[in-house]
Structure formats: C-alpha cells, structure tokens
Amino acid sequence: MRAAVSSPNQAFRAMADETRREILRLLRDGPLTSGDIADRFDSSWPTVSRHLAVLRDAGLVATQRHGQEIRYELNTSVFQDLIQHLVEWTRPTGGAPRAVRKPARRRHQEV
C-alpha cells in the first residue's frame, strides 16, 4: 500500500469537498477500485480521478496496484492524527492567552 504524507491543512482542504467526503464514506466498508468508485458518481471519469488524486496526495487514502487496477482504501492513521490535532485545540496551552492582532486594513486604490 502506498500512502502519501501530508499536513493537517492539506487533509482538511481535501475533506472540504462533498464529493471527496462521499468517496471516503464509500471506502469505510473496505478497499474499492477506481472504477468501482467512479461508477457511483454521475461525474466524468477524469473528475473522479482528480478527486482520488487529491485524497491520495492528502494522505487520506492509500493505493495499491493490482495489474491494471488501482485499489483505494482509507488511511486510518491520518484520520487518527487529525483527531489528535483537533483534540489538542481543546486543551489549554498553559500560558497566558495572547492578544490576536487584526490585520491592517488595506485601502483600495480607485482606478
């Protein structure tokens, strides 16, 4: 199985798309070929393939080639890392809260 390593930001961006979340739901029951996944959507094959590539690049799915087929399965270790990342946000850091500085307002030049 081949799985990419990614940052939490990349994984969250990948999961922001509804079609990619549906692909992840399909993979909960076990590995599927790219063709099996594509058959479940009205989108074109290139569109589904691009969604699969984004999920793979984010490390959310792992791939394994079997002859001409590519099988996709959930990379559960990345989901465990994301859960840990979210849990850390709920814990105090032990330091005094820092003031959040607002970004400077930019004036738009009139043309």
N, C-alpha and C. Protein backbone atom coordinates (compact mmCIF):
# COMPACT_ATOMS: atom_id res chain seq x y z
N MET A 1 0.85 -1.18 0.00
CA MET A 1 0.00 0.00 0.00
C MET A 1 0.89 1.24 0.00
N ARG A 2 0.53 2.19 -0.79
CA ARG A 2 1.27 3.44 -0.86
C ARG A 2 0.37 4.55 -0.35
N ALA A 3 0.88 5.31 0.61
CA ALA A 3 0.13 6.45 1.14
C ALA A 3 1.07 7.64 1.24
N ALA A 4 0.58 8.78 0.87
CA ALA A 4 1.38 10.00 0.94
C ALA A 4 1.33 10.55 2.35
N VAL A 5 2.35 11.31 2.70
CA VAL A 5 2.38 12.01 3.97
C VAL A 5 1.91 13.44 3.70
N SER A 6 1.04 13.95 4.56
CA SER A 6 0.52 15.29 4.32
C SER A 6 0.42 16.06 5.62
N SER A 7 0.12 17.33 5.48
CA SER A 7 -0.10 18.18 6.64
C SER A 7 -1.59 18.15 6.99
N PRO A 8 -1.92 18.50 8.23
CA PRO A 8 -3.35 18.58 8.58
C PRO A 8 -4.10 19.55 7.66
N ASN A 9 -3.46 20.64 7.28
CA ASN A 9 -4.12 21.60 6.41
C ASN A 9 -4.51 20.97 5.08
N GLN A 10 -3.62 20.18 4.52
CA GLN A 10 -3.90 19.53 3.24
C GLN A 10 -5.06 18.54 3.39
N ALA A 11 -5.08 17.81 4.49
CA ALA A 11 -6.16 16.85 4.72
C ALA A 11 -7.50 17.56 4.91
N PHE A 12 -7.50 18.66 5.68
CA PHE A 12 -8.75 19.40 5.88
C PHE A 12 -9.25 19.99 4.57
N ARG A 13 -8.34 20.50 3.75
CA ARG A 13 -8.75 21.04 2.44
C ARG A 13 -9.35 19.94 1.57
N ALA A 14 -8.75 18.76 1.61
CA ALA A 14 -9.26 17.64 0.80
C ALA A 14 -10.66 17.25 1.26
N MET A 15 -10.91 17.29 2.55
CA MET A 15 -12.21 16.88 3.08
C MET A 15 -13.27 17.97 2.95
N ALA A 16 -12.88 19.16 2.51
CA ALA A 16 -13.84 20.25 2.38
C ALA A 16 -14.81 20.03 1.23
N ASP A 17 -14.47 19.15 0.31
CA ASP A 17 -15.31 18.91 -0.87
C ASP A 17 -16.29 17.76 -0.59
N GLU A 18 -17.55 17.98 -0.92
CA GLU A 18 -18.60 16.98 -0.65
C GLU A 18 -18.37 15.67 -1.40
N THR A 19 -17.93 15.74 -2.64
CA THR A 19 -17.68 14.51 -3.41
C THR A 19 -16.57 13.70 -2.77
N ARG A 20 -15.51 14.36 -2.32
CA ARG A 20 -14.41 13.63 -1.69
C ARG A 20 -14.85 13.02 -0.37
N ARG A 21 -15.71 13.73 0.38
CA ARG A 21 -16.23 13.13 1.62
C ARG A 21 -17.07 11.90 1.30
N GLU A 22 -17.82 11.93 0.21
CA GLU A 22 -18.62 10.76 -0.18
C GLU A 22 -17.71 9.59 -0.58
N ILE A 23 -16.63 9.88 -1.26
CA ILE A 23 -15.66 8.82 -1.60
C ILE A 23 -15.11 8.20 -0.32
N LEU A 24 -14.77 9.02 0.66
CA LEU A 24 -14.27 8.49 1.93
C LEU A 24 -15.32 7.61 2.62
N ARG A 25 -16.59 8.03 2.54
CA ARG A 25 -17.67 7.21 3.13
C ARG A 25 -17.76 5.85 2.43
N LEU A 26 -17.61 5.84 1.10
CA LEU A 26 -17.66 4.58 0.36
C LEU A 26 -16.54 3.64 0.80
N LEU A 27 -15.39 4.20 1.12
CA LEU A 27 -14.23 3.39 1.47
C LEU A 27 -14.26 2.88 2.91
N ARG A 28 -15.23 3.32 3.68
CA ARG A 28 -15.34 2.82 5.07
C ARG A 28 -15.53 1.31 5.10
N ASP A 29 -16.23 0.76 4.11
CA ASP A 29 -16.53 -0.67 4.10
C ASP A 29 -15.41 -1.52 3.51
N GLY A 30 -14.34 -0.89 3.07
CA GLY A 30 -13.21 -1.64 2.54
C GLY A 30 -12.72 -1.07 1.23
N PRO A 31 -11.60 -1.60 0.75
CA PRO A 31 -10.99 -1.09 -0.48
C PRO A 31 -11.91 -1.24 -1.69
N LEU A 32 -11.78 -0.28 -2.60
CA LEU A 32 -12.52 -0.30 -3.87
C LEU A 32 -11.56 0.08 -4.99
N THR A 33 -11.84 -0.41 -6.18
CA THR A 33 -11.06 0.02 -7.34
C THR A 33 -11.53 1.40 -7.77
N SER A 34 -10.70 2.07 -8.53
CA SER A 34 -11.08 3.39 -9.03
C SER A 34 -12.33 3.29 -9.90
N GLY A 35 -12.47 2.21 -10.65
CA GLY A 35 -13.66 2.01 -11.47
C GLY A 35 -14.92 1.84 -10.63
N ASP A 36 -14.81 1.07 -9.54
CA ASP A 36 -15.95 0.89 -8.63
C ASP A 36 -16.39 2.24 -8.05
N ILE A 37 -15.41 3.06 -7.70
CA ILE A 37 -15.73 4.37 -7.13
C ILE A 37 -16.37 5.26 -8.19
N ALA A 38 -15.79 5.30 -9.37
CA ALA A 38 -16.30 6.16 -10.45
C ALA A 38 -17.72 5.78 -10.83
N ASP A 39 -18.06 4.49 -10.78
CA ASP A 39 -19.40 4.04 -11.13
C ASP A 39 -20.48 4.59 -10.20
N ARG A 40 -20.10 5.04 -9.01
CA ARG A 40 -21.06 5.54 -8.03
C ARG A 40 -21.41 7.01 -8.22
N PHE A 41 -20.75 7.67 -9.17
CA PHE A 41 -20.93 9.11 -9.35
C PHE A 41 -21.37 9.42 -10.77
N ASP A 42 -22.10 10.52 -10.91
CA ASP A 42 -22.52 10.99 -12.23
C ASP A 42 -21.41 11.77 -12.93
N SER A 43 -20.36 12.10 -12.19
CA SER A 43 -19.25 12.88 -12.75
C SER A 43 -18.48 12.07 -13.78
N SER A 44 -17.72 12.77 -14.60
CA SER A 44 -16.88 12.09 -15.60
C SER A 44 -15.73 11.37 -14.90
N TRP A 45 -15.15 10.40 -15.60
CA TRP A 45 -14.03 9.65 -15.05
C TRP A 45 -12.87 10.59 -14.67
N PRO A 46 -12.47 11.56 -15.53
CA PRO A 46 -11.37 12.45 -15.14
C PRO A 46 -11.66 13.24 -13.86
N THR A 47 -12.91 13.62 -13.66
CA THR A 47 -13.27 14.37 -12.45
C THR A 47 -13.11 13.51 -11.21
N VAL A 48 -13.60 12.28 -11.26
CA VAL A 48 -13.47 11.36 -10.12
C VAL A 48 -11.99 11.05 -9.89
N SER A 49 -11.25 10.85 -10.96
CA SER A 49 -9.82 10.57 -10.85
C SER A 49 -9.09 11.71 -10.16
N ARG A 50 -9.47 12.93 -10.47
CA ARG A 50 -8.85 14.09 -9.82
C ARG A 50 -9.18 14.12 -8.34
N HIS A 51 -10.42 13.81 -7.98
CA HIS A 51 -10.79 13.75 -6.56
C HIS A 51 -9.96 12.69 -5.84
N LEU A 52 -9.79 11.54 -6.48
CA LEU A 52 -8.98 10.48 -5.86
C LEU A 52 -7.53 10.92 -5.68
N ALA A 53 -7.01 11.66 -6.65
CA ALA A 53 -5.63 12.15 -6.55
C ALA A 53 -5.48 13.13 -5.38
N VAL A 54 -6.47 13.99 -5.19
CA VAL A 54 -6.42 14.95 -4.07
C VAL A 54 -6.44 14.20 -2.74
N LEU A 55 -7.30 13.19 -2.63
CA LEU A 55 -7.36 12.38 -1.41
C LEU A 55 -6.05 11.64 -1.17
N ARG A 56 -5.47 11.11 -2.24
CA ARG A 56 -4.20 10.39 -2.12
C ARG A 56 -3.08 11.35 -1.71
N ASP A 57 -3.02 12.52 -2.34
CA ASP A 57 -1.98 13.49 -2.03
C ASP A 57 -2.09 14.01 -0.59
N ALA A 58 -3.31 14.04 -0.07
CA ALA A 58 -3.54 14.46 1.32
C ALA A 58 -3.26 13.33 2.30
N GLY A 59 -3.00 12.14 1.79
CA GLY A 59 -2.71 11.01 2.65
C GLY A 59 -3.93 10.34 3.23
N LEU A 60 -5.12 10.74 2.80
CA LEU A 60 -6.35 10.19 3.36
C LEU A 60 -6.67 8.81 2.81
N VAL A 61 -6.16 8.49 1.63
CA VAL A 61 -6.34 7.16 1.07
C VAL A 61 -4.98 6.62 0.65
N ALA A 62 -4.87 5.33 0.70
CA ALA A 62 -3.67 4.63 0.24
C ALA A 62 -4.06 3.87 -1.02
N THR A 63 -3.08 3.66 -1.90
CA THR A 63 -3.35 2.97 -3.16
C THR A 63 -2.47 1.74 -3.29
N GLN A 64 -3.00 0.78 -4.02
CA GLN A 64 -2.24 -0.42 -4.33
C GLN A 64 -2.64 -0.86 -5.74
N ARG A 65 -1.63 -1.09 -6.56
CA ARG A 65 -1.89 -1.50 -7.94
C ARG A 65 -1.96 -3.03 -8.00
N HIS A 66 -3.00 -3.51 -8.69
CA HIS A 66 -3.18 -4.93 -8.99
C HIS A 66 -3.35 -5.03 -10.50
N GLY A 67 -2.27 -5.27 -11.22
CA GLY A 67 -2.35 -5.29 -12.68
C GLY A 67 -2.76 -3.93 -13.20
N GLN A 68 -3.87 -3.88 -13.92
CA GLN A 68 -4.37 -2.62 -14.46
C GLN A 68 -5.21 -1.83 -13.45
N GLU A 69 -5.63 -2.49 -12.38
CA GLU A 69 -6.49 -1.84 -11.40
C GLU A 69 -5.69 -1.14 -10.32
N ILE A 70 -6.25 -0.04 -9.84
CA ILE A 70 -5.71 0.63 -8.66
C ILE A 70 -6.80 0.55 -7.60
N ARG A 71 -6.43 -0.02 -6.45
CA ARG A 71 -7.38 -0.14 -5.34
C ARG A 71 -7.08 0.96 -4.33
N TYR A 72 -8.15 1.57 -3.84
CA TYR A 72 -8.05 2.64 -2.87
C TYR A 72 -8.63 2.16 -1.54
N GLU A 73 -7.97 2.55 -0.45
CA GLU A 73 -8.53 2.27 0.87
C GLU A 73 -8.18 3.41 1.81
N LEU A 74 -8.99 3.55 2.86
CA LEU A 74 -8.77 4.61 3.84
C LEU A 74 -7.43 4.42 4.52
N ASN A 75 -6.74 5.50 4.74
CA ASN A 75 -5.52 5.50 5.53
C ASN A 75 -5.91 5.98 6.92
N THR A 76 -6.32 5.06 7.76
CA THR A 76 -6.90 5.42 9.06
C THR A 76 -5.90 6.11 9.97
N SER A 77 -4.61 5.90 9.78
CA SER A 77 -3.62 6.57 10.64
C SER A 77 -3.69 8.08 10.47
N VAL A 78 -3.97 8.56 9.27
CA VAL A 78 -4.09 10.01 9.05
C VAL A 78 -5.31 10.54 9.78
N PHE A 79 -6.41 9.79 9.77
CA PHE A 79 -7.60 10.23 10.49
C PHE A 79 -7.33 10.28 11.99
N GLN A 80 -6.57 9.33 12.50
CA GLN A 80 -6.20 9.35 13.92
C GLN A 80 -5.35 10.56 14.24
N ASP A 81 -4.42 10.91 13.34
CA ASP A 81 -3.59 12.11 13.53
C ASP A 81 -4.45 13.37 13.53
N LEU A 82 -5.44 13.44 12.63
CA LEU A 82 -6.32 14.61 12.57
C LEU A 82 -7.15 14.74 13.84
N ILE A 83 -7.62 13.62 14.35
CA ILE A 83 -8.40 13.65 15.60
C ILE A 83 -7.52 14.17 16.73
N GLN A 84 -6.29 13.70 16.80
CA GLN A 84 -5.37 14.17 17.83
C GLN A 84 -5.12 15.66 17.68
N HIS A 85 -4.97 16.11 16.46
CA HIS A 85 -4.77 17.53 16.17
C HIS A 85 -5.95 18.36 16.68
N LEU A 86 -7.16 17.90 16.43
CA LEU A 86 -8.36 18.61 16.90
C LEU A 86 -8.47 18.60 18.41
N VAL A 87 -8.14 17.48 19.04
CA VAL A 87 -8.21 17.38 20.50
C VAL A 87 -7.24 18.37 21.14
N GLU A 88 -6.08 18.54 20.53
CA GLU A 88 -5.10 19.47 21.08
C GLU A 88 -5.64 20.90 21.12
N TRP A 89 -6.52 21.25 20.20
CA TRP A 89 -7.10 22.60 20.21
C TRP A 89 -7.96 22.83 21.44
N THR A 90 -8.47 21.78 22.04
CA THR A 90 -9.36 21.93 23.19
C THR A 90 -8.61 22.00 24.50
N ARG A 91 -7.31 21.75 24.47
CA ARG A 91 -6.52 21.77 25.70
C ARG A 91 -5.84 23.12 25.88
N PRO A 92 -5.84 23.62 27.13
CA PRO A 92 -5.12 24.87 27.38
C PRO A 92 -3.62 24.67 27.14
N THR A 93 -2.95 25.74 26.72
CA THR A 93 -1.52 25.65 26.43
C THR A 93 -0.68 25.84 27.68
N GLY A 94 -1.28 26.34 28.75
CA GLY A 94 -0.54 26.57 29.98
C GLY A 94 0.01 27.98 30.08
N GLY A 95 0.00 28.70 29.01
CA GLY A 95 0.49 30.08 29.01
C GLY A 95 -0.67 31.05 29.03
N ALA A 96 -0.32 32.32 29.21
CA ALA A 96 -1.35 33.36 29.17
C ALA A 96 -1.84 33.50 27.74
N PRO A 97 -3.13 33.76 27.59
CA PRO A 97 -3.65 33.93 26.23
C PRO A 97 -2.98 35.13 25.55
N ARG A 98 -2.66 34.94 24.30
CA ARG A 98 -2.05 36.02 23.51
C ARG A 98 -3.13 36.85 22.86
N ALA A 99 -2.82 38.11 22.73
CA ALA A 99 -3.74 39.00 22.02
C ALA A 99 -3.65 38.68 20.53
N VAL A 100 -4.80 38.64 19.91
CA VAL A 100 -4.84 38.39 18.47
C VAL A 100 -4.87 39.74 17.78
N ARG A 101 -3.89 39.95 16.94
CA ARG A 101 -3.80 41.23 16.24
C ARG A 101 -4.57 41.16 14.94
N LYS A 102 -5.41 42.16 14.74
CA LYS A 102 -6.17 42.22 13.50
C LYS A 102 -5.23 42.65 12.38
N PRO A 103 -5.43 42.08 11.20
CA PRO A 103 -4.62 42.54 10.07
C PRO A 103 -4.96 43.99 9.73
N ALA A 104 -3.96 44.71 9.25
CA ALA A 104 -4.17 46.11 8.88
C ALA A 104 -5.15 46.18 7.72
N ARG A 105 -6.02 47.16 7.76
CA ARG A 105 -6.98 47.34 6.67
C ARG A 105 -6.25 47.94 5.50
N ARG A 106 -6.54 47.44 4.35
CA ARG A 106 -5.93 47.95 3.14
C ARG A 106 -6.91 48.88 2.45
N ARG A 107 -6.39 49.94 1.98
CA ARG A 107 -7.20 50.86 1.20
C ARG A 107 -7.14 50.43 -0.24
N HIS A 108 -8.26 50.37 -0.87
CA HIS A 108 -8.32 50.04 -2.29
C HIS A 108 -8.11 51.30 -3.10
N GLN A 109 -7.20 51.21 -4.05
CA GLN A 109 -6.97 52.36 -4.90
C GLN A 109 -8.08 52.47 -5.92
N GLU A 110 -8.53 53.69 -6.12
CA GLU A 110 -9.55 53.89 -7.13
C GLU A 110 -8.90 54.05 -8.48
N VAL A 111 -9.50 53.44 -9.47
CA VAL A 111 -8.94 53.48 -10.82
C VAL A 111 -9.57 54.59 -11.61
